[in-house]
Amino acid sequence: MSPELIVAIGLAVVALGAGLVRAFQTVQDARGRVDKLIKSRITQIERIRKAARTSLVLKRAIKEAEKRKTATEIEVEEATASLQTANDIDHRLFVLDDRRTKADQNWIATLGHPTYAQAVSPNALPEAVESWRRGRRFLVYALDAGKAREKIVARYPERLGYHVIGISQQPPPKSKNTMI
């Protein structure tokens, strides 16, 4: 074989070897980049999962907060209505006196005075005049309805224009602090 042919084959083998080395390096670089991208993707997926879990927890917390808000708004509306009812002139309850015995019962006496402004107090507020016209409710402690009427008439005599509209028995309060 001729030396030129051997040199040509040698150069071809060297060029082929250099090409293969370069190809292996390119493959190694590509594998490194692929591994790096896979790790980056796994990290990104974990961040997305963590954000999704946090989002789910926050969504549940928002739903619970909205339920509490709705329940609180309903309670506020009920309390406001109850307060308005309690402050309404027709729902007021005046206590005639605080003296009572163990045998006394609670009575609600409704007392009216249609001409309160003219007969008793010409400078009375319109609300007071109206409440006397419709009838004011008094809590009276007495043995029976007759005794309750006597106590009311003694304090607010009929000769001055007051009249008893009605008397009904009231059950005792359910609180622990009753004075019996």
N, C-alpha and C. Protein backbone atom coordinates (compact mmCIF):
# COMPACT_ATOMS: atom_id res chain seq x y z
N MET A 1 0.81 -1.16 0.00
CA MET A 1 0.00 0.00 0.00
C MET A 1 0.87 1.23 0.00
N SER A 2 0.35 2.16 -0.57
CA SER A 2 1.18 3.34 -0.73
C SER A 2 1.09 4.21 0.52
N PRO A 3 2.14 4.87 0.82
CA PRO A 3 2.15 5.71 2.01
C PRO A 3 1.13 6.83 1.92
N GLU A 4 0.81 7.28 0.81
CA GLU A 4 -0.18 8.35 0.70
C GLU A 4 -1.57 7.84 1.05
N LEU A 5 -1.79 6.58 0.66
CA LEU A 5 -3.08 6.00 0.99
C LEU A 5 -3.19 5.78 2.50
N ILE A 6 -2.11 5.33 3.11
CA ILE A 6 -2.10 5.11 4.56
C ILE A 6 -2.31 6.44 5.27
N VAL A 7 -1.64 7.46 4.79
CA VAL A 7 -1.80 8.79 5.40
C VAL A 7 -3.26 9.26 5.19
N ALA A 8 -3.82 9.00 4.07
CA ALA A 8 -5.19 9.43 3.80
C ALA A 8 -6.16 8.68 4.69
N ILE A 9 -5.93 7.35 4.86
CA ILE A 9 -6.80 6.56 5.73
C ILE A 9 -6.62 7.04 7.17
N GLY A 10 -5.37 7.31 7.55
CA GLY A 10 -5.10 7.81 8.92
C GLY A 10 -5.79 9.14 9.17
N LEU A 11 -5.72 10.01 8.18
CA LEU A 11 -6.37 11.32 8.32
C LEU A 11 -7.89 11.16 8.38
N ALA A 12 -8.39 10.22 7.62
CA ALA A 12 -9.84 9.98 7.63
C ALA A 12 -10.27 9.44 8.99
N VAL A 13 -9.43 8.50 9.54
CA VAL A 13 -9.75 7.94 10.86
C VAL A 13 -9.68 9.03 11.92
N VAL A 14 -8.67 9.89 11.85
CA VAL A 14 -8.53 10.99 12.82
C VAL A 14 -9.72 11.95 12.66
N ALA A 15 -10.10 12.27 11.47
CA ALA A 15 -11.24 13.18 11.25
C ALA A 15 -12.53 12.54 11.74
N LEU A 16 -12.64 11.21 11.47
CA LEU A 16 -13.82 10.51 11.95
C LEU A 16 -13.83 10.48 13.48
N GLY A 17 -12.69 10.25 14.09
CA GLY A 17 -12.59 10.24 15.56
C GLY A 17 -12.92 11.60 16.14
N ALA A 18 -12.38 12.64 15.51
CA ALA A 18 -12.65 14.01 15.99
C ALA A 18 -14.13 14.34 15.83
N GLY A 19 -14.72 13.87 14.75
CA GLY A 19 -16.16 14.11 14.54
C GLY A 19 -16.99 13.38 15.57
N LEU A 20 -16.57 12.11 15.87
CA LEU A 20 -17.30 11.35 16.89
C LEU A 20 -17.15 11.98 18.27
N VAL A 21 -15.97 12.46 18.61
CA VAL A 21 -15.76 13.13 19.91
C VAL A 21 -16.64 14.37 19.98
N ARG A 22 -16.64 15.11 18.92
CA ARG A 22 -17.46 16.33 18.89
C ARG A 22 -18.95 15.96 18.99
N ALA A 23 -19.37 14.92 18.35
CA ALA A 23 -20.77 14.48 18.39
C ALA A 23 -21.13 14.04 19.81
N PHE A 24 -20.20 13.28 20.46
CA PHE A 24 -20.45 12.86 21.85
C PHE A 24 -20.55 14.07 22.78
N GLN A 25 -19.71 15.06 22.56
CA GLN A 25 -19.78 16.28 23.38
C GLN A 25 -21.11 17.01 23.16
N THR A 26 -21.53 17.07 21.92
CA THR A 26 -22.80 17.72 21.61
C THR A 26 -23.95 16.96 22.27
N VAL A 27 -23.89 15.62 22.22
CA VAL A 27 -24.92 14.80 22.86
C VAL A 27 -24.89 15.03 24.37
N GLN A 28 -23.68 15.06 24.94
CA GLN A 28 -23.55 15.29 26.39
C GLN A 28 -24.11 16.67 26.77
N ASP A 29 -23.79 17.68 26.01
CA ASP A 29 -24.32 19.03 26.27
C ASP A 29 -25.85 19.03 26.16
N ALA A 30 -26.37 18.34 25.15
CA ALA A 30 -27.83 18.28 24.97
C ALA A 30 -28.48 17.54 26.14
N ARG A 31 -27.86 16.42 26.58
CA ARG A 31 -28.40 15.70 27.73
C ARG A 31 -28.36 16.58 28.99
N GLY A 32 -27.30 17.33 29.17
CA GLY A 32 -27.20 18.24 30.32
C GLY A 32 -28.31 19.29 30.29
N ARG A 33 -28.51 19.85 29.09
CA ARG A 33 -29.59 20.85 28.97
C ARG A 33 -30.96 20.22 29.19
N VAL A 34 -31.17 19.00 28.69
CA VAL A 34 -32.45 18.31 28.88
C VAL A 34 -32.65 18.01 30.36
N ASP A 35 -31.60 17.52 31.04
CA ASP A 35 -31.71 17.25 32.48
C ASP A 35 -32.02 18.54 33.25
N LYS A 36 -31.34 19.61 32.85
CA LYS A 36 -31.57 20.90 33.51
C LYS A 36 -33.02 21.37 33.27
N LEU A 37 -33.52 21.20 32.07
CA LEU A 37 -34.91 21.58 31.75
C LEU A 37 -35.90 20.70 32.52
N ILE A 38 -35.59 19.39 32.63
CA ILE A 38 -36.49 18.50 33.38
C ILE A 38 -36.52 18.92 34.84
N LYS A 39 -35.35 19.19 35.44
CA LYS A 39 -35.31 19.64 36.84
C LYS A 39 -36.05 20.97 37.01
N SER A 40 -35.85 21.85 36.04
CA SER A 40 -36.55 23.15 36.09
C SER A 40 -38.06 22.95 35.98
N ARG A 41 -38.48 22.02 35.12
CA ARG A 41 -39.91 21.76 34.97
C ARG A 41 -40.48 21.14 36.24
N ILE A 42 -39.75 20.20 36.85
CA ILE A 42 -40.21 19.59 38.11
C ILE A 42 -40.34 20.65 39.19
N THR A 43 -39.36 21.54 39.29
CA THR A 43 -39.42 22.63 40.27
C THR A 43 -40.62 23.53 39.99
N GLN A 44 -40.84 23.84 38.73
CA GLN A 44 -41.97 24.69 38.35
C GLN A 44 -43.29 23.99 38.66
N ILE A 45 -43.40 22.69 38.40
CA ILE A 45 -44.63 21.93 38.71
C ILE A 45 -44.88 21.94 40.21
N GLU A 46 -43.83 21.78 41.02
CA GLU A 46 -43.98 21.81 42.48
C GLU A 46 -44.47 23.19 42.94
N ARG A 47 -43.92 24.25 42.35
CA ARG A 47 -44.39 25.60 42.69
C ARG A 47 -45.85 25.78 42.31
N ILE A 48 -46.25 25.26 41.16
CA ILE A 48 -47.65 25.36 40.71
C ILE A 48 -48.55 24.58 41.65
N ARG A 49 -48.13 23.36 42.04
CA ARG A 49 -48.93 22.56 42.98
C ARG A 49 -49.06 23.27 44.32
N LYS A 50 -47.96 23.84 44.79
CA LYS A 50 -48.00 24.56 46.07
C LYS A 50 -48.95 25.76 45.97
N ALA A 51 -48.88 26.48 44.86
CA ALA A 51 -49.78 27.62 44.66
C ALA A 51 -51.23 27.16 44.57
N ALA A 52 -51.46 26.01 43.93
CA ALA A 52 -52.83 25.48 43.82
C ALA A 52 -53.36 25.08 45.19
N ARG A 53 -52.50 24.44 46.02
CA ARG A 53 -52.93 24.08 47.38
C ARG A 53 -53.26 25.34 48.18
N THR A 54 -52.38 26.31 48.10
CA THR A 54 -52.62 27.58 48.80
C THR A 54 -53.90 28.23 48.31
N SER A 55 -54.11 28.21 47.01
CA SER A 55 -55.34 28.79 46.42
C SER A 55 -56.57 28.06 46.94
N LEU A 56 -56.51 26.73 47.02
CA LEU A 56 -57.64 25.94 47.52
C LEU A 56 -57.93 26.27 48.98
N VAL A 57 -56.87 26.36 49.78
CA VAL A 57 -57.04 26.72 51.20
C VAL A 57 -57.67 28.10 51.32
N LEU A 58 -57.17 29.04 50.54
CA LEU A 58 -57.71 30.40 50.58
C LEU A 58 -59.16 30.45 50.09
N LYS A 59 -59.47 29.66 49.08
CA LYS A 59 -60.85 29.62 48.57
C LYS A 59 -61.79 29.10 49.65
N ARG A 60 -61.36 28.04 50.36
CA ARG A 60 -62.18 27.51 51.45
C ARG A 60 -62.32 28.54 52.57
N ALA A 61 -61.24 29.24 52.89
CA ALA A 61 -61.29 30.26 53.93
C ALA A 61 -62.23 31.39 53.53
N ILE A 62 -62.22 31.76 52.26
CA ILE A 62 -63.12 32.82 51.78
C ILE A 62 -64.57 32.37 51.90
N LYS A 63 -64.85 31.11 51.53
CA LYS A 63 -66.22 30.60 51.65
C LYS A 63 -66.68 30.62 53.10
N GLU A 64 -65.81 30.18 54.01
CA GLU A 64 -66.16 30.20 55.43
C GLU A 64 -66.38 31.63 55.92
N ALA A 65 -65.52 32.53 55.49
CA ALA A 65 -65.67 33.93 55.89
C ALA A 65 -66.97 34.51 55.35
N GLU A 66 -67.34 34.15 54.12
CA GLU A 66 -68.60 34.63 53.55
C GLU A 66 -69.79 34.07 54.32
N LYS A 67 -69.71 32.79 54.74
CA LYS A 67 -70.79 32.21 55.54
C LYS A 67 -70.90 32.93 56.87
N ARG A 68 -69.75 33.18 57.52
CA ARG A 68 -69.77 33.90 58.80
C ARG A 68 -70.31 35.31 58.61
N LYS A 69 -69.92 35.95 57.51
CA LYS A 69 -70.40 37.31 57.23
C LYS A 69 -71.91 37.31 57.05
N THR A 70 -72.42 36.35 56.29
CA THR A 70 -73.87 36.25 56.07
C THR A 70 -74.60 36.01 57.38
N ALA A 71 -74.07 35.07 58.18
CA ALA A 71 -74.70 34.77 59.48
C ALA A 71 -74.65 35.99 60.39
N THR A 72 -73.54 36.71 60.37
CA THR A 72 -73.41 37.91 61.20
C THR A 72 -74.37 39.00 60.72
N GLU A 73 -74.51 39.16 59.41
CA GLU A 73 -75.45 40.15 58.89
C GLU A 73 -76.88 39.82 59.30
N ILE A 74 -77.23 38.53 59.26
CA ILE A 74 -78.58 38.12 59.68
C ILE A 74 -78.77 38.42 61.16
N GLU A 75 -77.75 38.11 61.98
CA GLU A 75 -77.85 38.39 63.42
C GLU A 75 -77.98 39.89 63.68
N VAL A 76 -77.24 40.69 62.92
CA VAL A 76 -77.32 42.14 63.10
C VAL A 76 -78.71 42.64 62.73
N GLU A 77 -79.26 42.12 61.63
CA GLU A 77 -80.61 42.52 61.22
C GLU A 77 -81.63 42.14 62.28
N GLU A 78 -81.50 40.91 62.82
CA GLU A 78 -82.43 40.47 63.86
C GLU A 78 -82.29 41.32 65.12
N ALA A 79 -81.03 41.62 65.50
CA ALA A 79 -80.81 42.44 66.68
C ALA A 79 -81.34 43.85 66.48
N THR A 80 -81.16 44.39 65.28
CA THR A 80 -81.67 45.74 64.97
C THR A 80 -83.20 45.74 65.04
N ALA A 81 -83.82 44.72 64.45
CA ALA A 81 -85.29 44.64 64.50
C ALA A 81 -85.77 44.48 65.93
N SER A 82 -85.08 43.66 66.70
CA SER A 82 -85.45 43.46 68.10
C SER A 82 -85.30 44.76 68.89
N LEU A 83 -84.22 45.48 68.62
CA LEU A 83 -83.99 46.76 69.31
C LEU A 83 -85.05 47.78 68.92
N GLN A 84 -85.39 47.82 67.64
CA GLN A 84 -86.44 48.75 67.21
C GLN A 84 -87.77 48.40 67.84
N THR A 85 -88.06 47.10 67.93
CA THR A 85 -89.30 46.66 68.56
C THR A 85 -89.29 47.02 70.04
N ALA A 86 -88.16 46.82 70.69
CA ALA A 86 -88.06 47.11 72.12
C ALA A 86 -88.19 48.61 72.38
N ASN A 87 -87.69 49.43 71.46
CA ASN A 87 -87.77 50.88 71.63
C ASN A 87 -89.10 51.46 71.17
N ASP A 88 -89.90 50.67 70.51
CA ASP A 88 -91.20 51.14 70.03
C ASP A 88 -92.06 51.53 71.23
N ILE A 89 -92.76 52.61 71.10
CA ILE A 89 -93.59 53.13 72.20
C ILE A 89 -94.61 52.09 72.65
N ASP A 90 -95.20 51.35 71.74
CA ASP A 90 -96.23 50.38 72.09
C ASP A 90 -95.67 49.17 72.85
N HIS A 91 -94.38 48.95 72.82
CA HIS A 91 -93.80 47.80 73.47
C HIS A 91 -93.13 48.15 74.81
N ARG A 92 -93.18 49.38 75.19
CA ARG A 92 -92.59 49.77 76.46
C ARG A 92 -93.43 49.22 77.60
N LEU A 93 -92.76 48.90 78.69
CA LEU A 93 -93.44 48.37 79.86
C LEU A 93 -92.96 49.17 81.07
N PHE A 94 -93.89 49.91 81.69
CA PHE A 94 -93.57 50.71 82.86
C PHE A 94 -93.83 49.88 84.11
N VAL A 95 -92.96 50.01 85.10
CA VAL A 95 -93.14 49.29 86.36
C VAL A 95 -93.84 50.23 87.33
N LEU A 96 -94.99 49.81 87.84
CA LEU A 96 -95.77 50.66 88.73
C LEU A 96 -95.04 50.84 90.06
N ASP A 97 -94.65 49.76 90.69
CA ASP A 97 -93.82 49.84 91.88
C ASP A 97 -93.00 48.56 91.97
N ASP A 98 -91.97 48.58 92.80
CA ASP A 98 -91.12 47.41 92.88
C ASP A 98 -91.36 46.60 94.15
N ARG A 99 -92.41 46.94 94.90
CA ARG A 99 -92.72 46.18 96.11
C ARG A 99 -93.58 44.98 95.75
N ARG A 100 -93.17 43.82 96.28
CA ARG A 100 -93.93 42.61 96.02
C ARG A 100 -93.68 41.60 97.12
N THR A 101 -94.62 40.69 97.25
CA THR A 101 -94.48 39.60 98.21
C THR A 101 -94.30 38.31 97.42
N LYS A 102 -94.00 37.23 98.14
CA LYS A 102 -93.81 35.94 97.46
C LYS A 102 -95.11 35.45 96.81
N ALA A 103 -96.21 35.83 97.35
CA ALA A 103 -97.51 35.37 96.81
C ALA A 103 -97.96 36.20 95.60
N ASP A 104 -97.38 37.37 95.39
CA ASP A 104 -97.80 38.24 94.28
C ASP A 104 -97.48 37.61 92.93
N GLN A 105 -98.32 37.95 91.97
CA GLN A 105 -98.13 37.51 90.60
C GLN A 105 -97.87 38.74 89.74
N ASN A 106 -97.34 38.51 88.55
CA ASN A 106 -97.08 39.60 87.61
C ASN A 106 -98.33 39.85 86.78
N TRP A 107 -98.74 41.11 86.72
CA TRP A 107 -99.91 41.51 85.92
C TRP A 107 -99.49 42.64 85.00
N ILE A 108 -100.02 42.62 83.79
CA ILE A 108 -99.81 43.71 82.85
C ILE A 108 -101.14 44.45 82.73
N ALA A 109 -101.11 45.70 83.17
CA ALA A 109 -102.31 46.54 83.10
C ALA A 109 -102.09 47.59 82.01
N THR A 110 -103.06 47.71 81.11
CA THR A 110 -102.99 48.73 80.07
C THR A 110 -103.89 49.88 80.51
N LEU A 111 -103.29 51.07 80.55
CA LEU A 111 -103.97 52.25 81.09
C LEU A 111 -103.96 53.32 80.01
N GLY A 112 -105.08 53.94 79.77
CA GLY A 112 -105.18 54.98 78.75
C GLY A 112 -105.71 56.28 79.31
N HIS A 113 -105.48 57.33 78.54
CA HIS A 113 -105.99 58.66 78.88
C HIS A 113 -106.15 59.42 77.56
N PRO A 114 -107.35 59.44 76.98
CA PRO A 114 -107.54 60.03 75.65
C PRO A 114 -107.32 61.54 75.61
N THR A 115 -107.46 62.25 76.72
CA THR A 115 -107.32 63.72 76.72
C THR A 115 -106.15 64.12 77.61
N TYR A 116 -105.07 63.40 77.56
CA TYR A 116 -103.92 63.62 78.43
C TYR A 116 -103.37 65.04 78.28
N ALA A 117 -103.20 65.51 77.06
CA ALA A 117 -102.60 66.83 76.84
C ALA A 117 -103.47 67.95 77.43
N GLN A 118 -104.79 67.84 77.28
CA GLN A 118 -105.66 68.90 77.79
C GLN A 118 -105.83 68.80 79.31
N ALA A 119 -105.99 67.60 79.85
CA ALA A 119 -106.34 67.44 81.26
C ALA A 119 -105.12 67.40 82.18
N VAL A 120 -104.01 66.84 81.76
CA VAL A 120 -102.90 66.62 82.68
C VAL A 120 -101.68 67.46 82.34
N SER A 121 -101.21 67.40 81.11
CA SER A 121 -99.96 68.07 80.76
C SER A 121 -100.06 68.72 79.39
N PRO A 122 -100.37 70.00 79.34
CA PRO A 122 -100.50 70.67 78.05
C PRO A 122 -99.18 70.76 77.29
N ASN A 123 -98.05 70.70 77.98
CA ASN A 123 -96.73 70.82 77.33
C ASN A 123 -96.10 69.46 77.03
N ALA A 124 -96.87 68.38 77.09
CA ALA A 124 -96.34 67.04 76.87
C ALA A 124 -95.91 66.87 75.42
N LEU A 125 -94.91 66.06 75.23
CA LEU A 125 -94.44 65.74 73.87
C LEU A 125 -95.53 64.98 73.12
N PRO A 126 -95.60 65.14 71.81
CA PRO A 126 -96.62 64.43 71.02
C PRO A 126 -96.53 62.90 71.19
N GLU A 127 -95.30 62.37 71.33
CA GLU A 127 -95.15 60.93 71.53
C GLU A 127 -95.81 60.47 72.83
N ALA A 128 -95.65 61.28 73.90
CA ALA A 128 -96.25 60.93 75.19
C ALA A 128 -97.78 61.00 75.10
N VAL A 129 -98.30 62.03 74.47
CA VAL A 129 -99.75 62.17 74.32
C VAL A 129 -100.30 60.98 73.54
N GLU A 130 -99.63 60.60 72.47
CA GLU A 130 -100.07 59.48 71.64
C GLU A 130 -100.01 58.17 72.42
N SER A 131 -98.95 57.96 73.21
CA SER A 131 -98.84 56.71 73.97
C SER A 131 -99.95 56.62 75.03
N TRP A 132 -100.34 57.75 75.64
CA TRP A 132 -101.45 57.72 76.60
C TRP A 132 -102.78 57.48 75.89
N ARG A 133 -102.92 58.04 74.68
CA ARG A 133 -104.15 57.82 73.93
C ARG A 133 -104.31 56.34 73.57
N ARG A 134 -103.23 55.71 73.07
CA ARG A 134 -103.27 54.29 72.70
C ARG A 134 -103.30 53.39 73.91
N GLY A 135 -102.67 53.82 74.97
CA GLY A 135 -102.61 53.03 76.20
C GLY A 135 -101.18 52.63 76.54
N ARG A 136 -100.82 52.89 77.79
CA ARG A 136 -99.49 52.50 78.27
C ARG A 136 -99.61 51.22 79.08
N ARG A 137 -98.58 50.38 78.97
CA ARG A 137 -98.59 49.11 79.70
C ARG A 137 -97.76 49.24 80.97
N PHE A 138 -98.34 48.75 82.07
CA PHE A 138 -97.67 48.80 83.38
C PHE A 138 -97.54 47.40 83.95
N LEU A 139 -96.37 47.11 84.54
CA LEU A 139 -96.17 45.87 85.27
C LEU A 139 -96.59 46.12 86.71
N VAL A 140 -97.53 45.30 87.20
CA VAL A 140 -98.07 45.47 88.55
C VAL A 140 -97.92 44.13 89.27
N TYR A 141 -97.43 44.18 90.51
CA TYR A 141 -97.33 42.98 91.34
C TYR A 141 -98.54 42.97 92.28
N ALA A 142 -99.37 41.93 92.18
CA ALA A 142 -100.56 41.83 93.02
C ALA A 142 -101.00 40.38 93.12
N LEU A 143 -101.88 40.11 94.11
CA LEU A 143 -102.38 38.75 94.31
C LEU A 143 -103.32 38.32 93.19
N ASP A 144 -104.15 39.27 92.71
CA ASP A 144 -105.10 38.95 91.66
C ASP A 144 -105.36 40.19 90.81
N ALA A 145 -106.19 40.04 89.79
CA ALA A 145 -106.47 41.15 88.88
C ALA A 145 -107.16 42.31 89.59
N GLY A 146 -108.04 42.00 90.55
CA GLY A 146 -108.72 43.06 91.29
C GLY A 146 -107.75 43.92 92.07
N LYS A 147 -106.80 43.28 92.75
CA LYS A 147 -105.78 44.04 93.51
C LYS A 147 -104.89 44.84 92.55
N ALA A 148 -104.59 44.28 91.39
CA ALA A 148 -103.80 45.01 90.40
C ALA A 148 -104.54 46.26 89.95
N ARG A 149 -105.84 46.11 89.69
CA ARG A 149 -106.66 47.27 89.30
C ARG A 149 -106.66 48.32 90.40
N GLU A 150 -106.80 47.90 91.67
CA GLU A 150 -106.80 48.84 92.79
C GLU A 150 -105.50 49.63 92.85
N LYS A 151 -104.38 48.94 92.66
CA LYS A 151 -103.09 49.64 92.69
C LYS A 151 -102.99 50.67 91.55
N ILE A 152 -103.44 50.29 90.36
CA ILE A 152 -103.39 51.22 89.21
C ILE A 152 -104.28 52.42 89.46
N VAL A 153 -105.52 52.18 89.91
CA VAL A 153 -106.47 53.28 90.12
C VAL A 153 -106.01 54.18 91.25
N ALA A 154 -105.34 53.63 92.25
CA ALA A 154 -104.83 54.46 93.35
C ALA A 154 -103.76 55.42 92.83
N ARG A 155 -102.94 54.96 91.90
CA ARG A 155 -101.87 55.81 91.37
C ARG A 155 -102.37 56.72 90.26
N TYR A 156 -103.27 56.21 89.41
CA TYR A 156 -103.81 56.97 88.29
C TYR A 156 -105.34 56.95 88.40
N PRO A 157 -105.93 57.90 89.15
CA PRO A 157 -107.38 57.87 89.41
C PRO A 157 -108.22 58.15 88.16
N GLU A 158 -109.37 57.50 88.13
CA GLU A 158 -110.29 57.66 87.01
C GLU A 158 -110.88 59.06 86.96
N ARG A 159 -110.96 59.72 88.10
CA ARG A 159 -111.52 61.09 88.12
C ARG A 159 -110.64 62.08 87.36
N LEU A 160 -109.36 61.72 87.14
CA LEU A 160 -108.46 62.58 86.36
C LEU A 160 -108.45 62.20 84.87
N GLY A 161 -109.28 61.25 84.49
CA GLY A 161 -109.39 60.89 83.08
C GLY A 161 -108.70 59.59 82.69
N TYR A 162 -107.98 58.96 83.60
CA TYR A 162 -107.33 57.69 83.29
C TYR A 162 -108.37 56.58 83.31
N HIS A 163 -108.20 55.59 82.44
CA HIS A 163 -109.10 54.45 82.47
C HIS A 163 -108.32 53.17 82.16
N VAL A 164 -108.69 52.11 82.83
CA VAL A 164 -108.01 50.83 82.65
C VAL A 164 -108.59 50.16 81.41
N ILE A 165 -107.74 49.89 80.45
CA ILE A 165 -108.17 49.25 79.20
C ILE A 165 -108.25 47.74 79.38
N GLY A 166 -107.29 47.20 80.11
CA GLY A 166 -107.29 45.75 80.33
C GLY A 166 -106.19 45.34 81.29
N ILE A 167 -106.39 44.16 81.89
CA ILE A 167 -105.39 43.59 82.80
C ILE A 167 -105.25 42.11 82.44
N SER A 168 -103.98 41.68 82.29
CA SER A 168 -103.74 40.26 81.99
C SER A 168 -102.56 39.78 82.83
N GLN A 169 -102.59 38.48 83.13
CA GLN A 169 -101.52 37.91 83.93
C GLN A 169 -100.30 37.69 83.05
N GLN A 170 -99.15 37.98 83.61
CA GLN A 170 -97.88 37.83 82.90
C GLN A 170 -97.08 36.73 83.58
N PRO A 171 -96.54 35.78 82.82
CA PRO A 171 -95.73 34.74 83.46
C PRO A 171 -94.47 35.35 84.06
N PRO A 172 -93.94 34.75 85.12
CA PRO A 172 -92.72 35.30 85.73
C PRO A 172 -91.55 35.20 84.77
N PRO A 173 -90.56 36.10 84.90
CA PRO A 173 -89.40 36.06 83.99
C PRO A 173 -88.60 34.78 84.19
N LYS A 174 -87.91 34.35 83.16
CA LYS A 174 -87.16 33.10 83.21
C LYS A 174 -85.73 33.30 83.72
N SER A 175 -85.37 34.51 84.09
CA SER A 175 -83.99 34.77 84.53
C SER A 175 -83.79 34.20 85.93
N LYS A 176 -82.52 33.97 86.26
CA LYS A 176 -82.16 33.43 87.56
C LYS A 176 -82.24 34.48 88.66
N ASN A 177 -82.29 35.74 88.28
CA ASN A 177 -82.24 36.83 89.24
C ASN A 177 -83.62 37.38 89.58
N THR A 178 -84.61 36.55 89.68
CA THR A 178 -85.93 37.03 90.02
C THR A 178 -85.99 37.32 91.51
N MET A 179 -86.84 38.26 91.90
CA MET A 179 -86.91 38.69 93.29
C MET A 179 -88.06 37.98 94.00
N ILE A 180 -88.05 36.69 94.05
CA ILE A 180 -89.11 35.95 94.74
C ILE A 180 -88.52 35.25 95.93
